[in-house]
Amino acid sequence: MAERLRCAVIGAGVAGAEWVARLTRGPRTTVVALCDAHPQRARELQERYRIPRLYASFEEAVEQPDLDAVVVAAPNHLHAPITLAALKARKHVLVETPLALNAKEATRLVETAQAMKCLLMPAQELRFNRASQLARACLHHGELGEVFHARAWWRRHQWPRPGTWRAQRNQSGGGCLVDLGQPLVDLLLYLLNDFQVAQVYASGQILFGPHTNHEPEPNRAPAPVAGIFDVEDTGTACLVLKNNRWLNIETSWGGHFQGDEPEQGVEILGTKASLRLFPARLYRQGNLGMECILLNALKPSHPEDCGQHFAQCVLENKKPLITPAEMLAVQRVVDGIVVAAASGKPVPLKP
């Protein structure tokens, strides 16, 4: 195989444009094809990065014989069909999260990848963050003692327009609990190296998204705008692990937050110390009281960009940071969160 992975990017929206930029400047990747159903925005992106070929049909794009890999950056409901077509064409696939809309779809993708002997990897960006790797090493070496609780949050003052695919449950799979919650679920379980979730609780509400005015007029509800918005824009989830540890997930697309606070965060509590991200900080009792240690020494053994890690795994036949079993475990948890939020009842998960 060539020194650089020859990629086709499926999707020329915001995510697709970002992937084209990253893959173009990456040392192990090059973009040789772009595919999108909207010709104008696809052509603009093609011209900007001088991509050799442009396609309107993903079925045609993935069949090109000179491709090594496909990067799927399309709306969520298209992840599974595009990924399946690419795998059947014996292409390696890096797909934006979520991997699929449900565990049934995800299982079929994993099984097809194994049958075709192709690498399938969801772009779990938070795993590759330097702070996440520092935290993982800290936990692995027992610096926290026995971990008894963890929580993660992602709060963003930005929600999709009503009528767009992200605002419609049948196309997105869910709102902020899927969009922001799924990466947090993956990160917490990865950091703790424990994917054995026994039960999930969840709650979601629609508070901000359907309204045009971010700041409503006094004493008057903002007028709704046309278009479907049937996904939660604020939501929480609680995961109960089989060892009875509880993990909390907090997500929101809207709210009133301090502008200088990071929108993402993780807190892990142990009997000897605690960890906070981002950045990675270790809190423990010292001779002079509580001390805070900023962790910044570790250099990861893999690229911090998940796209370059994906390319390295394909080109050098290395094992990826994300295993098929972990992909399916995370998908089952997210499925449980979606059901729990809709029903208001706890959802037990099968092993």
Protein backbone atom coordinates (compact mmCIF):
# COMPACT_ATOMS: atom_id res chain seq x y z
CA MET A 1 0.00 0.00 0.00
CA ALA A 2 1.14 3.57 -0.66
CA GLU A 3 2.83 5.80 1.94
CA ARG A 4 -0.34 7.88 2.19
CA LEU A 5 -3.86 6.54 2.61
CA ARG A 6 -6.03 7.48 -0.40
CA CYS A 7 -9.39 8.60 0.98
CA ALA A 8 -12.83 9.55 -0.25
CA VAL A 9 -14.83 11.85 2.00
CA ILE A 10 -18.60 11.31 1.90
CA GLY A 11 -20.32 14.54 2.91
CA ALA A 12 -19.37 18.14 2.12
CA GLY A 13 -21.13 19.84 5.03
CA VAL A 14 -19.43 21.27 8.12
CA ALA A 15 -18.04 17.91 9.28
CA GLY A 16 -17.02 16.87 5.78
CA ALA A 17 -15.19 20.14 5.14
CA GLU A 18 -13.30 19.73 8.40
CA TRP A 19 -12.29 16.18 7.48
CA VAL A 20 -11.11 17.27 4.04
CA ALA A 21 -8.92 19.94 5.65
CA ARG A 22 -7.50 17.54 8.25
CA LEU A 23 -6.82 14.72 5.81
CA THR A 24 -5.24 17.09 3.29
CA ARG A 25 -2.74 18.51 5.76
CA GLY A 26 -2.11 15.16 7.50
CA PRO A 27 1.21 13.39 6.79
CA ARG A 28 -0.31 9.94 6.12
CA THR A 29 -3.50 10.81 4.20
CA THR A 30 -4.66 12.36 0.95
CA VAL A 31 -8.17 13.07 -0.37
CA VAL A 32 -8.70 11.79 -3.90
CA ALA A 33 -12.51 11.92 -4.06
CA LEU A 34 -15.42 13.84 -2.57
CA CYS A 35 -19.09 12.91 -2.58
CA ASP A 36 -22.16 14.95 -1.70
CA ALA A 37 -25.75 15.17 -2.93
CA HIS A 38 -25.56 18.99 -3.02
CA PRO A 39 -23.43 19.84 -6.07
CA GLN A 40 -22.73 23.50 -5.34
CA ARG A 41 -21.20 23.09 -1.89
CA ALA A 42 -19.36 19.96 -3.03
CA ARG A 43 -17.87 21.77 -6.01
CA GLU A 44 -16.76 24.69 -3.83
CA LEU A 45 -14.98 22.30 -1.46
CA GLN A 46 -13.47 20.38 -4.36
CA GLU A 47 -12.05 23.53 -5.89
CA ARG A 48 -10.73 24.85 -2.59
CA TYR A 49 -8.68 21.71 -1.92
CA ARG A 50 -8.13 20.62 -5.53
CA ILE A 51 -9.74 17.23 -5.01
CA PRO A 52 -9.40 15.21 -8.24
CA ARG A 53 -12.88 13.66 -8.45
CA LEU A 54 -16.40 14.55 -7.39
CA TYR A 55 -19.40 12.23 -7.08
CA ALA A 56 -23.09 12.71 -6.31
CA SER A 57 -23.69 9.03 -5.46
CA PHE A 58 -21.89 7.36 -2.55
CA GLU A 59 -22.53 3.97 -4.17
CA GLU A 60 -20.40 5.05 -7.14
CA ALA A 61 -17.76 6.76 -5.02
CA VAL A 62 -16.98 3.79 -2.76
CA GLU A 63 -16.52 1.44 -5.71
CA GLN A 64 -13.53 3.35 -7.14
CA PRO A 65 -10.61 0.91 -7.38
CA ASP A 66 -7.88 3.37 -6.39
CA LEU A 67 -9.43 4.15 -3.00
CA ASP A 68 -8.02 2.72 0.21
CA ALA A 69 -10.51 4.20 2.66
CA VAL A 70 -13.76 6.09 3.04
CA VAL A 71 -14.47 8.77 5.63
CA VAL A 72 -18.19 9.06 6.37
CA ALA A 73 -19.24 12.59 7.38
CA ALA A 74 -22.89 12.44 6.35
CA PRO A 75 -26.05 12.81 8.49
CA ASN A 76 -26.45 10.14 11.16
CA HIS A 77 -29.14 8.09 9.41
CA LEU A 78 -26.80 7.63 6.43
CA HIS A 79 -23.83 6.37 8.45
CA ALA A 80 -24.88 2.72 8.33
CA PRO A 81 -25.83 2.45 4.62
CA ILE A 82 -22.73 4.33 3.44
CA THR A 83 -20.43 2.40 5.74
CA LEU A 84 -21.96 -0.91 4.70
CA ALA A 85 -21.53 -0.10 1.00
CA ALA A 86 -17.91 0.92 1.55
CA LEU A 87 -17.08 -2.22 3.54
CA LYS A 88 -18.67 -4.43 0.88
CA ALA A 89 -16.43 -2.67 -1.64
CA ARG A 90 -13.49 -3.70 0.62
CA LYS A 91 -12.68 -0.19 1.75
CA HIS A 92 -11.52 0.70 5.25
CA VAL A 93 -13.97 3.08 6.94
CA LEU A 94 -13.62 5.94 9.42
CA VAL A 95 -17.08 7.16 10.38
CA GLU A 96 -18.28 10.17 12.32
CA THR A 97 -20.07 9.26 15.53
CA PRO A 98 -22.50 7.76 16.16
CA LEU A 99 -21.44 4.63 14.28
CA ALA A 100 -25.10 3.82 13.57
CA LEU A 101 -28.61 4.66 14.78
CA ASN A 102 -28.89 1.50 16.87
CA ALA A 103 -27.03 -1.62 18.00
CA LYS A 104 -28.59 -3.81 15.31
CA GLU A 105 -27.13 -1.61 12.56
CA ALA A 106 -23.81 -1.34 14.39
CA THR A 107 -23.54 -5.12 14.80
CA ARG A 108 -24.07 -5.65 11.09
CA LEU A 109 -21.32 -3.14 10.30
CA VAL A 110 -18.86 -4.77 12.70
CA GLU A 111 -19.61 -8.23 11.31
CA THR A 112 -19.23 -7.01 7.71
CA ALA A 113 -15.91 -5.35 8.51
CA GLN A 114 -14.61 -8.56 10.00
CA ALA A 115 -15.83 -10.60 7.02
CA MET A 116 -14.23 -8.20 4.52
CA LYS A 117 -11.05 -7.92 6.61
CA CYS A 118 -11.38 -4.13 6.66
CA LEU A 119 -10.77 -1.66 9.46
CA LEU A 120 -13.90 0.01 10.78
CA MET A 121 -13.40 2.83 13.28
CA PRO A 122 -15.74 5.48 14.69
CA ALA A 123 -14.12 8.89 15.15
CA GLN A 124 -14.15 8.99 18.94
CA GLU A 125 -12.18 12.23 19.05
CA LEU A 126 -12.11 12.63 22.85
CA ARG A 127 -10.11 9.42 23.30
CA PHE A 128 -7.23 10.92 21.33
CA ASN A 129 -7.03 14.12 23.34
CA ARG A 130 -3.69 14.42 25.16
CA ALA A 131 -5.49 15.10 28.44
CA SER A 132 -7.57 11.93 28.02
CA GLN A 133 -4.44 9.86 27.48
CA LEU A 134 -2.80 11.39 30.54
CA ALA A 135 -5.87 10.57 32.61
CA ARG A 136 -5.97 7.01 31.28
CA ALA A 137 -2.31 6.47 32.24
CA CYS A 138 -2.94 7.94 35.69
CA LEU A 139 -5.87 5.60 36.28
CA HIS A 140 -3.94 2.61 34.92
CA HIS A 141 -1.17 3.19 37.46
CA GLY A 142 -3.63 3.39 40.35
CA GLU A 143 -2.98 7.03 41.26
CA LEU A 144 -6.62 7.55 42.24
CA GLY A 145 -7.01 4.44 44.36
CA GLU A 146 -10.48 2.93 44.08
CA VAL A 147 -12.68 4.98 41.75
CA PHE A 148 -16.17 5.37 43.17
CA HIS A 149 -17.77 8.03 40.96
CA ALA A 150 -17.29 9.86 37.68
CA ARG A 151 -19.17 12.46 35.71
CA ALA A 152 -18.75 14.16 32.35
CA TRP A 153 -20.46 17.15 30.81
CA TRP A 154 -20.70 18.91 27.47
CA ARG A 155 -22.61 22.17 27.36
CA ARG A 156 -22.87 24.12 24.14
CA HIS A 157 -24.98 27.21 23.45
CA GLN A 158 -25.80 26.08 19.92
CA TRP A 159 -28.65 24.00 18.59
CA PRO A 160 -29.74 22.91 15.10
CA ARG A 161 -32.36 24.76 13.11
CA PRO A 162 -35.83 23.18 13.15
CA GLY A 163 -36.37 21.03 10.09
CA THR A 164 -32.69 20.11 9.64
CA TRP A 165 -31.66 16.48 9.95
CA ARG A 166 -30.05 16.96 13.36
CA ALA A 167 -33.36 18.26 14.76
CA GLN A 168 -35.35 15.23 13.59
CA ARG A 169 -35.19 12.04 15.63
CA ASN A 170 -35.74 9.70 12.69
CA GLN A 171 -32.60 11.09 11.01
CA SER A 172 -30.36 11.91 13.98
CA GLY A 173 -31.30 9.14 16.41
CA GLY A 174 -31.67 11.68 19.21
CA GLY A 175 -30.67 15.13 20.37
CA CYS A 176 -27.85 16.24 22.65
CA LEU A 177 -27.88 12.93 24.53
CA VAL A 178 -26.73 11.29 21.28
CA ASP A 179 -24.73 14.15 19.74
CA LEU A 180 -22.82 15.12 22.89
CA GLY A 181 -23.62 12.26 25.25
CA GLN A 182 -22.33 9.43 23.09
CA PRO A 183 -18.72 10.73 22.99
CA LEU A 184 -18.84 11.28 26.76
CA VAL A 185 -20.11 7.75 27.38
CA ASP A 186 -17.27 6.38 25.26
CA LEU A 187 -14.68 8.52 27.03
CA LEU A 188 -15.73 7.62 30.58
CA LEU A 189 -15.91 3.89 29.87
CA TYR A 190 -12.58 4.03 28.05
CA LEU A 191 -10.86 5.92 30.88
CA LEU A 192 -12.14 3.48 33.49
CA ASN A 193 -11.48 0.51 31.17
CA ASP A 194 -14.90 -0.81 32.13
CA PHE A 195 -17.64 -1.25 29.52
CA GLN A 196 -19.87 -3.43 31.74
CA VAL A 197 -22.95 -1.20 32.13
CA ALA A 198 -25.85 -2.90 33.91
CA GLN A 199 -28.52 -0.21 33.81
CA VAL A 200 -29.12 3.32 32.53
CA TYR A 201 -31.37 6.17 33.62
CA ALA A 202 -31.95 9.23 31.46
CA SER A 203 -34.04 12.36 31.08
CA GLY A 204 -34.29 14.78 28.18
CA GLN A 205 -36.24 17.97 27.53
CA ILE A 206 -36.88 20.38 24.67
CA LEU A 207 -36.33 23.85 26.10
CA PHE A 208 -34.52 26.02 23.55
CA GLY A 209 -34.33 24.55 20.06
CA PRO A 210 -37.75 25.21 18.48
CA HIS A 211 -37.59 28.95 19.19
CA THR A 212 -36.11 31.66 17.03
CA ASN A 213 -35.19 34.04 19.85
CA HIS A 214 -32.42 32.91 22.16
CA GLU A 215 -33.54 35.57 24.63
CA PRO A 216 -37.37 35.58 24.80
CA GLU A 217 -39.32 38.79 25.32
CA PRO A 218 -40.40 39.40 28.95
CA ASN A 219 -43.60 37.55 29.90
CA ARG A 220 -44.07 36.17 26.39
CA ALA A 221 -43.14 32.75 25.08
CA PRO A 222 -41.07 32.89 21.90
CA ALA A 223 -42.95 32.01 18.76
CA PRO A 224 -42.17 28.59 17.27
CA VAL A 225 -40.65 28.43 13.81
CA ALA A 226 -41.68 26.10 11.02
CA GLY A 227 -39.99 22.73 10.78
CA ILE A 228 -39.66 19.65 12.94
CA PHE A 229 -37.71 19.77 16.20
CA ASP A 230 -38.48 16.59 18.14
CA VAL A 231 -35.17 15.87 19.89
CA GLU A 232 -34.00 16.86 23.37
CA ASP A 233 -31.77 19.93 23.62
CA THR A 234 -30.87 19.31 27.26
CA GLY A 235 -30.49 15.91 28.88
CA THR A 236 -28.82 13.89 31.59
CA ALA A 237 -28.03 10.21 31.95
CA CYS A 238 -26.81 7.94 34.72
CA LEU A 239 -24.96 4.71 34.01
CA VAL A 240 -24.80 2.02 36.67
CA LEU A 241 -21.86 -0.30 36.15
CA LYS A 242 -21.96 -3.94 37.17
CA ASN A 243 -19.56 -3.18 40.03
CA ASN A 244 -22.17 -0.66 41.27
CA ARG A 245 -20.21 2.46 40.30
CA TRP A 246 -22.39 5.32 39.05
CA LEU A 247 -21.41 7.57 36.16
CA ASN A 248 -23.25 10.80 35.35
CA ILE A 249 -23.53 12.39 31.91
CA GLU A 250 -24.78 15.99 31.48
CA THR A 251 -25.44 17.48 28.05
CA SER A 252 -27.04 20.62 26.69
CA TRP A 253 -27.32 22.47 23.40
CA GLY A 254 -28.62 25.58 25.15
CA GLY A 255 -28.39 27.46 28.42
CA HIS A 256 -26.67 30.34 30.13
CA PHE A 257 -23.05 29.45 30.86
CA GLN A 258 -19.94 31.42 31.66
CA GLY A 259 -18.09 32.22 28.47
CA ASP A 260 -14.66 31.51 29.97
CA GLU A 261 -15.54 27.97 31.10
CA PRO A 262 -14.65 25.00 28.86
CA GLU A 263 -17.73 23.44 27.29
CA GLN A 264 -16.49 19.91 28.03
CA GLY A 265 -15.34 18.43 31.30
CA VAL A 266 -14.71 15.21 33.20
CA GLU A 267 -14.37 14.57 36.92
CA ILE A 268 -13.29 11.20 38.35
CA LEU A 269 -13.25 10.64 42.12
CA GLY A 270 -11.11 8.03 43.85
CA THR A 271 -10.15 7.11 47.40
CA LYS A 272 -6.60 8.51 47.02
CA ALA A 273 -7.07 11.37 44.58
CA SER A 274 -9.35 12.86 41.93
CA LEU A 275 -8.90 13.82 38.28
CA ARG A 276 -10.36 16.64 36.23
CA LEU A 277 -10.26 17.26 32.48
CA PHE A 278 -9.74 19.49 30.40
CA PRO A 279 -6.77 20.04 30.88
CA ALA A 280 -5.70 17.02 32.95
CA ARG A 281 -5.29 17.89 36.64
CA LEU A 282 -4.69 15.53 39.58
CA TYR A 283 -5.94 16.60 43.01
CA ARG A 284 -4.59 14.88 46.12
CA GLN A 285 -3.68 15.53 49.71
CA GLY A 286 -0.12 16.78 50.16
CA ASN A 287 2.01 17.76 53.13
CA LEU A 288 0.69 21.32 53.01
CA GLY A 289 -2.91 20.44 52.19
CA MET A 290 -4.70 19.77 48.93
CA GLU A 291 -2.39 20.04 45.92
CA CYS A 292 -3.18 20.29 42.22
CA ILE A 293 -0.81 18.72 39.72
CA LEU A 294 -1.10 19.68 36.07
CA LEU A 295 -0.36 16.57 34.01
CA ASN A 296 1.55 17.31 30.82
CA ALA A 297 4.47 14.87 30.54
CA LEU A 298 3.06 11.97 28.57
CA LYS A 299 3.67 11.74 24.84
CA PRO A 300 1.10 9.35 23.32
CA SER A 301 2.36 6.34 21.41
CA HIS A 302 -0.14 7.08 18.63
CA PRO A 303 -1.12 10.21 16.66
CA GLU A 304 -3.38 12.60 18.58
CA ASP A 305 -5.47 13.09 15.44
CA CYS A 306 -7.81 10.10 15.10
CA GLY A 307 -7.72 10.38 11.30
CA GLN A 308 -3.95 9.94 11.28
CA HIS A 309 -4.23 7.10 13.80
CA PHE A 310 -6.72 5.42 11.47
CA ALA A 311 -4.31 5.83 8.56
CA GLN A 312 -1.40 4.50 10.59
CA CYS A 313 -3.40 1.42 11.58
CA VAL A 314 -4.29 0.67 7.95
CA LEU A 315 -0.86 1.40 6.47
CA GLU A 316 1.13 -0.37 9.18
CA ASN A 317 -1.40 -3.07 10.08
CA LYS A 318 -1.64 -1.89 13.69
CA LYS A 319 -4.47 -2.44 16.15
CA PRO A 320 -6.70 0.63 16.54
CA LEU A 321 -7.33 2.36 19.84
CA ILE A 322 -11.04 1.44 19.52
CA THR A 323 -12.05 -2.23 19.44
CA PRO A 324 -15.20 -3.70 17.87
CA ALA A 325 -16.42 -4.89 21.28
CA GLU A 326 -16.11 -1.34 22.64
CA MET A 327 -17.99 0.11 19.65
CA LEU A 328 -20.93 -2.21 20.26
CA ALA A 329 -20.89 -1.71 24.03
CA VAL A 330 -21.11 2.06 23.62
CA GLN A 331 -23.88 1.75 21.03
CA ARG A 332 -25.93 -0.45 23.38
CA VAL A 333 -25.53 2.10 26.18
CA VAL A 334 -26.63 4.95 23.91
CA ASP A 335 -29.63 2.90 22.77
CA GLY A 336 -30.54 2.41 26.42
CA ILE A 337 -30.20 6.13 27.12
CA VAL A 338 -32.53 6.99 24.24
CA VAL A 339 -35.16 4.50 25.48
CA ALA A 340 -34.82 5.60 29.12
CA ALA A 341 -35.20 9.28 28.21
CA ALA A 342 -38.33 8.54 26.16
CA SER A 343 -39.96 6.26 28.74
CA GLY A 344 -38.84 7.90 31.97
CA LYS A 345 -37.93 4.45 33.29
CA PRO A 346 -34.57 2.76 33.96
CA VAL A 347 -33.41 0.42 31.21
CA PRO A 348 -31.43 -2.74 32.09
CA LEU A 349 -28.76 -3.70 29.58
CA LYS A 350 -27.99 -7.23 28.52
CA PRO A 351 -24.34 -8.34 28.68
